[in-house]
N, C-alpha and C. Protein backbone atom coordinates (compact mmCIF):
# COMPACT_ATOMS: atom_id res chain seq x y z
N MET A 1 -10.59 -10.59 -16.84
CA MET A 1 -9.88 -10.45 -18.10
C MET A 1 -8.44 -10.92 -17.91
N ALA A 2 -7.97 -11.75 -18.78
CA ALA A 2 -6.63 -12.32 -18.67
C ALA A 2 -5.57 -11.32 -19.12
N LEU A 3 -4.39 -11.45 -18.53
CA LEU A 3 -3.26 -10.61 -18.92
C LEU A 3 -2.76 -11.02 -20.29
N VAL A 4 -2.20 -10.07 -20.99
CA VAL A 4 -1.53 -10.37 -22.25
C VAL A 4 -0.26 -11.13 -21.89
N LYS A 5 -0.02 -12.26 -22.53
CA LYS A 5 1.15 -13.07 -22.18
C LYS A 5 2.45 -12.42 -22.61
N LYS A 6 2.43 -11.70 -23.72
CA LYS A 6 3.64 -11.06 -24.19
C LYS A 6 4.06 -9.99 -23.18
N GLY A 7 5.28 -10.08 -22.71
CA GLY A 7 5.80 -9.11 -21.76
C GLY A 7 5.52 -9.44 -20.31
N SER A 8 4.80 -10.53 -20.06
CA SER A 8 4.53 -10.90 -18.67
C SER A 8 5.67 -11.77 -18.14
N ARG A 9 5.80 -11.78 -16.84
CA ARG A 9 6.85 -12.56 -16.19
C ARG A 9 6.22 -13.52 -15.21
N ARG A 10 6.83 -14.67 -15.05
CA ARG A 10 6.35 -15.66 -14.09
C ARG A 10 7.03 -15.45 -12.75
N ILE A 11 6.27 -15.73 -11.69
CA ILE A 11 6.81 -15.66 -10.34
C ILE A 11 6.10 -16.73 -9.51
N THR A 12 6.85 -17.42 -8.69
CA THR A 12 6.27 -18.42 -7.80
C THR A 12 6.35 -17.89 -6.38
N VAL A 13 5.19 -17.83 -5.73
CA VAL A 13 5.08 -17.33 -4.37
C VAL A 13 4.39 -18.39 -3.53
N ASP A 14 5.06 -18.85 -2.51
CA ASP A 14 4.51 -19.85 -1.59
C ASP A 14 3.96 -21.07 -2.34
N GLY A 15 4.69 -21.51 -3.37
CA GLY A 15 4.32 -22.71 -4.12
C GLY A 15 3.30 -22.52 -5.22
N THR A 16 2.80 -21.31 -5.43
CA THR A 16 1.82 -21.03 -6.48
C THR A 16 2.47 -20.14 -7.52
N THR A 17 2.24 -20.46 -8.80
CA THR A 17 2.83 -19.69 -9.89
C THR A 17 1.84 -18.65 -10.40
N TYR A 18 2.34 -17.44 -10.55
CA TYR A 18 1.56 -16.31 -11.05
C TYR A 18 2.28 -15.71 -12.26
N ARG A 19 1.56 -14.88 -12.99
CA ARG A 19 2.16 -14.06 -14.05
C ARG A 19 1.90 -12.62 -13.68
N TRP A 20 2.87 -11.75 -13.90
CA TRP A 20 2.68 -10.33 -13.64
C TRP A 20 3.23 -9.51 -14.79
N ARG A 21 2.67 -8.33 -14.93
CA ARG A 21 3.04 -7.49 -16.06
C ARG A 21 2.78 -6.03 -15.71
N LEU A 22 3.69 -5.18 -16.11
CA LEU A 22 3.41 -3.75 -16.03
C LEU A 22 3.34 -3.19 -17.43
N ARG A 23 2.57 -2.17 -17.57
CA ARG A 23 2.34 -1.55 -18.88
C ARG A 23 3.65 -0.93 -19.37
N GLY A 24 4.02 -1.23 -20.60
CA GLY A 24 5.27 -0.72 -21.15
C GLY A 24 5.27 0.77 -21.35
N ARG A 25 4.18 1.28 -21.88
CA ARG A 25 4.06 2.72 -22.06
C ARG A 25 3.19 3.28 -20.95
N PRO A 26 3.54 4.45 -20.45
CA PRO A 26 2.73 5.02 -19.38
C PRO A 26 1.39 5.53 -19.90
N THR A 27 0.39 5.54 -19.03
CA THR A 27 -0.85 6.22 -19.37
C THR A 27 -0.54 7.72 -19.42
N TYR A 28 -1.48 8.53 -19.86
CA TYR A 28 -1.25 9.96 -19.96
C TYR A 28 -0.87 10.54 -18.59
N ASP A 29 -1.65 10.21 -17.55
CA ASP A 29 -1.36 10.73 -16.21
C ASP A 29 -0.06 10.18 -15.65
N GLN A 30 0.28 8.93 -15.96
CA GLN A 30 1.55 8.38 -15.52
C GLN A 30 2.70 9.07 -16.24
N GLY A 31 2.53 9.39 -17.51
CA GLY A 31 3.55 10.09 -18.27
C GLY A 31 3.83 11.47 -17.70
N LEU A 32 2.78 12.11 -17.19
CA LEU A 32 2.92 13.44 -16.58
C LEU A 32 3.28 13.36 -15.09
N VAL A 33 3.47 12.17 -14.57
CA VAL A 33 3.79 11.90 -13.17
C VAL A 33 2.69 12.46 -12.26
N ARG A 34 1.45 12.34 -12.72
CA ARG A 34 0.29 12.71 -11.90
C ARG A 34 -0.27 11.51 -11.17
N SER A 35 -0.01 10.32 -11.70
CA SER A 35 -0.48 9.10 -11.04
C SER A 35 0.66 8.08 -11.04
N PRO A 36 0.65 7.18 -10.06
CA PRO A 36 1.76 6.24 -9.90
C PRO A 36 1.67 5.03 -10.83
N LEU A 37 2.76 4.32 -10.89
CA LEU A 37 2.87 3.08 -11.66
C LEU A 37 1.95 2.02 -11.07
N ALA A 38 1.33 1.24 -11.92
CA ALA A 38 0.52 0.11 -11.49
C ALA A 38 0.92 -1.10 -12.32
N TYR A 39 0.75 -2.29 -11.74
CA TYR A 39 0.99 -3.52 -12.48
C TYR A 39 -0.08 -4.52 -12.13
N ALA A 40 -0.20 -5.54 -12.96
CA ALA A 40 -1.25 -6.55 -12.78
C ALA A 40 -0.64 -7.92 -12.55
N VAL A 41 -1.36 -8.74 -11.76
CA VAL A 41 -0.92 -10.09 -11.43
C VAL A 41 -2.11 -11.02 -11.60
N GLU A 42 -1.86 -12.23 -12.09
CA GLU A 42 -2.92 -13.24 -12.17
C GLU A 42 -2.33 -14.62 -11.92
N HIS A 43 -3.19 -15.56 -11.58
CA HIS A 43 -2.79 -16.96 -11.41
C HIS A 43 -2.36 -17.47 -12.77
N ALA A 44 -1.24 -18.18 -12.84
CA ALA A 44 -0.69 -18.60 -14.13
C ALA A 44 -1.51 -19.68 -14.82
N LYS A 45 -2.05 -20.63 -14.05
CA LYS A 45 -2.75 -21.77 -14.67
C LYS A 45 -4.24 -21.52 -14.83
N THR A 46 -4.87 -20.93 -13.84
CA THR A 46 -6.32 -20.69 -13.90
C THR A 46 -6.61 -19.22 -13.60
N PRO A 47 -6.37 -18.35 -14.59
CA PRO A 47 -6.60 -16.93 -14.34
C PRO A 47 -8.07 -16.66 -14.05
N GLY A 48 -8.31 -15.96 -12.99
CA GLY A 48 -9.66 -15.59 -12.60
C GLY A 48 -9.70 -14.11 -12.30
N THR A 49 -9.52 -13.76 -11.04
CA THR A 49 -9.52 -12.36 -10.63
C THR A 49 -8.11 -11.79 -10.76
N THR A 50 -8.00 -10.69 -11.47
CA THR A 50 -6.72 -10.02 -11.64
C THR A 50 -6.46 -9.10 -10.46
N LEU A 51 -5.24 -9.14 -9.96
CA LEU A 51 -4.80 -8.24 -8.92
C LEU A 51 -4.17 -7.03 -9.59
N VAL A 52 -4.63 -5.83 -9.24
CA VAL A 52 -4.05 -4.59 -9.76
C VAL A 52 -3.38 -3.88 -8.59
N VAL A 53 -2.07 -3.75 -8.67
CA VAL A 53 -1.28 -3.14 -7.60
C VAL A 53 -0.86 -1.74 -8.03
N THR A 54 -1.23 -0.75 -7.24
CA THR A 54 -0.81 0.62 -7.47
C THR A 54 0.36 0.90 -6.53
N THR A 55 1.50 1.25 -7.10
CA THR A 55 2.71 1.47 -6.32
C THR A 55 2.82 2.94 -5.89
N ASN A 56 3.89 3.25 -5.19
CA ASN A 56 4.14 4.65 -4.82
C ASN A 56 5.26 5.24 -5.67
N GLN A 57 5.52 4.63 -6.81
CA GLN A 57 6.61 5.05 -7.70
C GLN A 57 6.04 5.61 -9.01
N PRO A 58 6.76 6.53 -9.65
CA PRO A 58 6.34 6.97 -10.98
C PRO A 58 6.64 5.89 -12.02
N HIS A 59 5.98 5.95 -13.15
CA HIS A 59 6.27 5.02 -14.24
C HIS A 59 7.69 5.31 -14.73
N PRO A 60 8.51 4.27 -14.96
CA PRO A 60 9.89 4.51 -15.38
C PRO A 60 10.01 5.21 -16.74
N SER A 61 8.98 5.15 -17.57
CA SER A 61 9.02 5.81 -18.88
C SER A 61 8.25 7.13 -18.87
N ASN A 62 8.19 7.79 -17.71
CA ASN A 62 7.47 9.07 -17.66
C ASN A 62 8.19 10.09 -18.53
N TRP A 63 7.48 11.13 -18.91
CA TRP A 63 7.98 12.08 -19.90
C TRP A 63 8.87 13.16 -19.33
N PHE A 64 9.02 13.20 -18.02
CA PHE A 64 9.84 14.24 -17.39
C PHE A 64 11.17 13.70 -16.88
N GLY A 65 11.40 12.41 -17.05
CA GLY A 65 12.65 11.82 -16.59
C GLY A 65 12.74 11.69 -15.08
N THR A 66 11.58 11.74 -14.42
CA THR A 66 11.57 11.56 -12.97
C THR A 66 12.08 10.17 -12.63
N GLN A 67 13.03 10.11 -11.72
CA GLN A 67 13.65 8.84 -11.35
C GLN A 67 12.62 7.87 -10.75
N ALA A 68 12.66 6.64 -11.19
CA ALA A 68 11.75 5.61 -10.70
C ALA A 68 12.56 4.38 -10.32
N ASP A 69 12.18 3.76 -9.21
CA ASP A 69 12.81 2.50 -8.83
C ASP A 69 12.19 1.37 -9.65
N ALA A 70 12.98 0.36 -9.91
CA ALA A 70 12.47 -0.80 -10.64
C ALA A 70 11.52 -1.60 -9.75
N VAL A 71 10.53 -2.23 -10.38
CA VAL A 71 9.66 -3.15 -9.66
C VAL A 71 10.38 -4.48 -9.61
N LEU A 72 10.75 -4.90 -8.42
CA LEU A 72 11.51 -6.13 -8.24
C LEU A 72 10.58 -7.31 -7.98
N PRO A 73 11.00 -8.51 -8.35
CA PRO A 73 10.19 -9.69 -8.04
C PRO A 73 9.85 -9.79 -6.56
N SER A 74 10.74 -9.36 -5.69
CA SER A 74 10.45 -9.40 -4.25
C SER A 74 9.30 -8.45 -3.90
N ASP A 75 9.20 -7.31 -4.60
CA ASP A 75 8.08 -6.38 -4.39
C ASP A 75 6.77 -7.03 -4.82
N VAL A 76 6.82 -7.71 -5.97
CA VAL A 76 5.63 -8.39 -6.48
C VAL A 76 5.20 -9.49 -5.52
N ALA A 77 6.15 -10.27 -5.04
CA ALA A 77 5.84 -11.35 -4.10
C ALA A 77 5.21 -10.80 -2.83
N ASP A 78 5.74 -9.69 -2.31
CA ASP A 78 5.17 -9.07 -1.10
C ASP A 78 3.75 -8.60 -1.36
N SER A 79 3.51 -8.02 -2.53
CA SER A 79 2.17 -7.55 -2.87
C SER A 79 1.19 -8.71 -2.99
N ILE A 80 1.64 -9.81 -3.56
CA ILE A 80 0.79 -11.00 -3.69
C ILE A 80 0.42 -11.52 -2.31
N ARG A 81 1.39 -11.61 -1.43
CA ARG A 81 1.11 -12.09 -0.07
C ARG A 81 0.15 -11.16 0.66
N THR A 82 0.33 -9.87 0.51
CA THR A 82 -0.56 -8.90 1.14
C THR A 82 -1.98 -9.03 0.59
N ALA A 83 -2.10 -9.14 -0.72
CA ALA A 83 -3.42 -9.26 -1.34
C ALA A 83 -4.11 -10.56 -0.93
N ARG A 84 -3.36 -11.65 -0.87
CA ARG A 84 -3.95 -12.92 -0.43
C ARG A 84 -4.45 -12.80 1.00
N ALA A 85 -3.70 -12.14 1.86
CA ALA A 85 -4.11 -11.94 3.26
C ALA A 85 -5.34 -11.04 3.35
N ASP A 86 -5.49 -10.13 2.36
CA ASP A 86 -6.64 -9.22 2.33
C ASP A 86 -7.86 -9.81 1.62
N GLY A 87 -7.75 -11.06 1.15
CA GLY A 87 -8.90 -11.73 0.57
C GLY A 87 -8.89 -11.94 -0.93
N TRP A 88 -7.78 -11.64 -1.61
CA TRP A 88 -7.73 -11.88 -3.05
C TRP A 88 -7.73 -13.38 -3.31
N ALA A 89 -8.67 -13.82 -4.14
CA ALA A 89 -8.77 -15.23 -4.54
C ALA A 89 -8.53 -15.29 -6.05
N PRO A 90 -7.29 -15.51 -6.49
CA PRO A 90 -6.95 -15.40 -7.91
C PRO A 90 -7.61 -16.42 -8.82
N GLU A 91 -8.06 -17.56 -8.28
CA GLU A 91 -8.66 -18.59 -9.13
C GLU A 91 -10.14 -18.34 -9.39
N ARG A 92 -10.77 -17.48 -8.63
CA ARG A 92 -12.20 -17.21 -8.77
C ARG A 92 -12.43 -16.05 -9.72
N SER A 93 -13.46 -16.15 -10.55
CA SER A 93 -13.78 -15.06 -11.49
C SER A 93 -14.57 -13.98 -10.78
N ARG A 94 -13.96 -12.84 -10.67
CA ARG A 94 -14.57 -11.66 -10.07
C ARG A 94 -13.98 -10.43 -10.74
N SER A 95 -14.47 -9.27 -10.36
CA SER A 95 -13.88 -8.04 -10.88
C SER A 95 -12.49 -7.87 -10.27
N PRO A 96 -11.64 -7.06 -10.88
CA PRO A 96 -10.27 -6.92 -10.40
C PRO A 96 -10.19 -6.55 -8.92
N PHE A 97 -9.18 -7.08 -8.27
CA PHE A 97 -8.91 -6.80 -6.87
C PHE A 97 -7.82 -5.73 -6.84
N HIS A 98 -8.11 -4.60 -6.22
CA HIS A 98 -7.16 -3.48 -6.19
C HIS A 98 -6.41 -3.44 -4.87
N LEU A 99 -5.10 -3.34 -4.97
CA LEU A 99 -4.24 -3.21 -3.81
C LEU A 99 -3.52 -1.87 -3.95
N ASP A 100 -3.89 -0.93 -3.11
CA ASP A 100 -3.33 0.42 -3.20
C ASP A 100 -2.15 0.55 -2.25
N GLN A 101 -0.97 0.66 -2.83
CA GLN A 101 0.26 0.86 -2.06
C GLN A 101 0.90 2.20 -2.44
N SER A 102 0.04 3.16 -2.79
CA SER A 102 0.52 4.44 -3.32
C SER A 102 0.83 5.48 -2.25
N GLU A 103 0.70 5.11 -0.98
CA GLU A 103 1.00 6.07 0.08
C GLU A 103 2.43 6.55 -0.07
N GLY A 104 2.61 7.85 -0.07
CA GLY A 104 3.93 8.44 -0.22
C GLY A 104 4.24 8.87 -1.64
N PHE A 105 3.35 8.56 -2.61
CA PHE A 105 3.59 9.01 -3.99
C PHE A 105 3.46 10.52 -4.04
N VAL A 106 4.43 11.16 -4.66
CA VAL A 106 4.41 12.61 -4.80
C VAL A 106 4.39 12.95 -6.28
N SER A 107 3.31 13.62 -6.69
CA SER A 107 3.20 14.08 -8.06
C SER A 107 4.20 15.21 -8.25
N SER A 108 5.01 15.13 -9.28
CA SER A 108 6.04 16.15 -9.47
C SER A 108 5.56 17.32 -10.32
N HIS A 109 4.31 17.22 -10.84
CA HIS A 109 3.83 18.32 -11.70
C HIS A 109 2.37 18.58 -11.42
């Protein structure tokens, strides 16, 4: 499934262009800081398998005002490189590839 273009950002990693996007509104569990922020990445020209990255940070729009660090392009680039090394093939159509980087996430409620 392709990412919604509205709100997505382009990033070039090792000569390949991708689009990435995080959900503007938190899910219910993200709002309650029960689950961490996640974002999605896909190949910009030939979207196939979507990469879903689960971070160790709360969603910045959580309902308790828990402090969250911004997702930086350098973080996204590192995640893309890690996923590629772990076998993510963004041009091939498959089910989403999950990269769990949530170690250290602490639910505040």
